[in-house]
């Protein structure tokens, strides 16, 4: 059986019961935890089997996301920055014609 990492989330009221936590610690390797969630690593079939008797728990696979690149990196090169500044200046001059000034 191939192991995967899963997030187990307690959906009942309050924090997760200590009895549930002790039971899960005995049967699956708990890698990390928070007030209402556990990060575990085990086979999907085993997780499903364990949680059948625990209706207030849900599980989902752990997902990893790449960090979002900063918007400022788009205009990082000096040439692109110069073009963007020129476009902004031209847009300002075209929206405020000189004939309006006294």
Protein backbone atom coordinates (compact mmCIF):
# COMPACT_ATOMS: atom_id res chain seq x y z
CA UNK A 1 0.00 0.00 0.00
CA UNK A 2 1.36 3.37 -1.02
CA UNK A 3 1.18 6.06 1.65
CA UNK A 4 -0.03 9.60 1.09
CA UNK A 5 -0.39 12.62 3.29
CA UNK A 6 -3.89 13.60 4.40
CA UNK A 7 -5.51 16.39 6.38
CA UNK A 8 -8.00 15.02 8.92
CA UNK A 9 -10.43 17.70 10.08
CA UNK A 10 -12.70 17.47 13.09
CA UNK A 11 -16.14 18.85 12.14
CA UNK A 12 -17.84 18.59 15.56
CA UNK A 13 -18.21 21.39 18.09
CA UNK A 14 -15.16 22.69 19.93
CA UNK A 15 -11.74 21.11 19.80
CA UNK A 16 -11.15 17.51 18.83
CA UNK A 17 -11.83 14.96 21.59
CA UNK A 18 -8.76 13.58 23.32
CA UNK A 19 -10.10 10.04 22.87
CA UNK A 20 -10.24 10.51 19.09
CA UNK A 21 -6.77 12.00 19.12
CA UNK A 22 -5.37 9.08 21.15
CA UNK A 23 -7.07 6.57 18.84
CA UNK A 24 -5.68 8.21 15.71
CA UNK A 25 -2.18 8.50 17.25
CA UNK A 26 -2.22 4.74 17.86
CA UNK A 27 -3.22 3.84 14.30
CA UNK A 28 -1.64 6.42 11.97
CA UNK A 29 1.56 8.47 12.05
CA UNK A 30 0.57 12.05 12.96
CA UNK A 31 3.04 14.49 11.41
CA UNK A 32 1.51 17.77 12.61
CA UNK A 33 -1.65 19.04 14.25
CA UNK A 34 -3.66 22.15 15.02
CA UNK A 35 -6.72 22.76 17.18
CA UNK A 36 -9.10 20.99 14.75
CA UNK A 37 -6.88 19.26 12.17
CA UNK A 38 -4.21 16.60 11.87
CA UNK A 39 -1.65 15.99 9.15
CA UNK A 40 -1.17 12.24 8.79
CA UNK A 41 0.65 9.91 6.42
CA UNK A 42 -0.90 6.54 5.61
CA UNK A 43 -2.57 4.50 2.87
CA UNK A 44 -5.89 5.95 1.65
CA UNK A 45 -7.71 2.67 2.27
CA UNK A 46 -6.57 2.60 5.89
CA UNK A 47 -7.65 6.21 6.48
CA UNK A 48 -11.09 5.48 4.98
CA UNK A 49 -11.43 2.37 7.13
CA UNK A 50 -10.49 4.23 10.34
CA UNK A 51 -12.83 7.16 9.73
CA UNK A 52 -15.89 4.98 9.01
CA UNK A 53 -16.40 4.69 12.77
CA UNK A 54 -15.68 8.39 13.35
CA UNK A 55 -18.50 10.36 11.66
CA UNK A 56 -17.35 13.79 12.90
CA UNK A 57 -14.06 13.53 10.99
CA UNK A 58 -13.40 14.30 7.33
CA UNK A 59 -10.26 13.72 5.33
CA UNK A 60 -8.75 15.13 2.16
CA UNK A 61 -5.39 14.73 0.47
CA UNK A 62 -2.74 17.30 1.31
CA UNK A 63 -2.20 19.74 -1.55
CA UNK A 64 0.90 21.79 -2.16
CA UNK A 65 0.80 25.08 -4.04
CA UNK A 66 3.59 27.14 -5.54
CA UNK A 67 3.86 30.63 -4.04
CA UNK A 68 2.39 33.39 -6.15
CA UNK A 69 4.97 35.52 -7.89
CA UNK A 70 4.95 39.16 -6.96
CA UNK A 71 3.29 41.52 -9.42
CA UNK A 72 6.30 43.84 -9.26
CA UNK A 73 8.51 41.20 -10.87
CA UNK A 74 6.57 41.68 -14.12
CA UNK A 75 8.19 45.07 -14.69
CA UNK A 76 11.55 44.22 -13.15
CA UNK A 77 13.70 44.87 -16.21
CA UNK A 78 14.68 48.52 -16.83
CA UNK A 79 13.55 48.46 -20.46
CA UNK A 80 10.05 47.27 -19.60
CA UNK A 81 9.86 49.72 -16.69
CA UNK A 82 10.79 52.61 -19.01
CA UNK A 83 8.05 51.64 -21.50
CA UNK A 84 5.44 51.40 -18.73
CA UNK A 85 6.39 54.83 -17.35
CA UNK A 86 6.25 56.39 -20.82
CA UNK A 87 2.80 54.86 -21.44
CA UNK A 88 1.54 56.23 -18.13
CA UNK A 89 2.89 59.72 -18.84
CA UNK A 90 1.35 59.74 -22.33
CA UNK A 91 -1.97 58.56 -20.92
CA UNK A 92 -1.94 61.39 -18.36
CA UNK A 93 -1.11 64.02 -20.99
CA UNK A 94 -3.84 62.76 -23.33
CA UNK A 95 -6.48 62.79 -20.57
CA UNK A 96 -5.61 66.36 -19.50
CA UNK A 97 -5.19 68.48 -22.65
CA UNK A 98 -3.10 71.64 -22.34
CA UNK A 99 -5.93 73.78 -23.79
CA UNK A 100 -7.83 73.35 -20.49
CA UNK A 101 -5.11 75.15 -18.55
CA UNK A 102 -5.23 78.95 -18.16
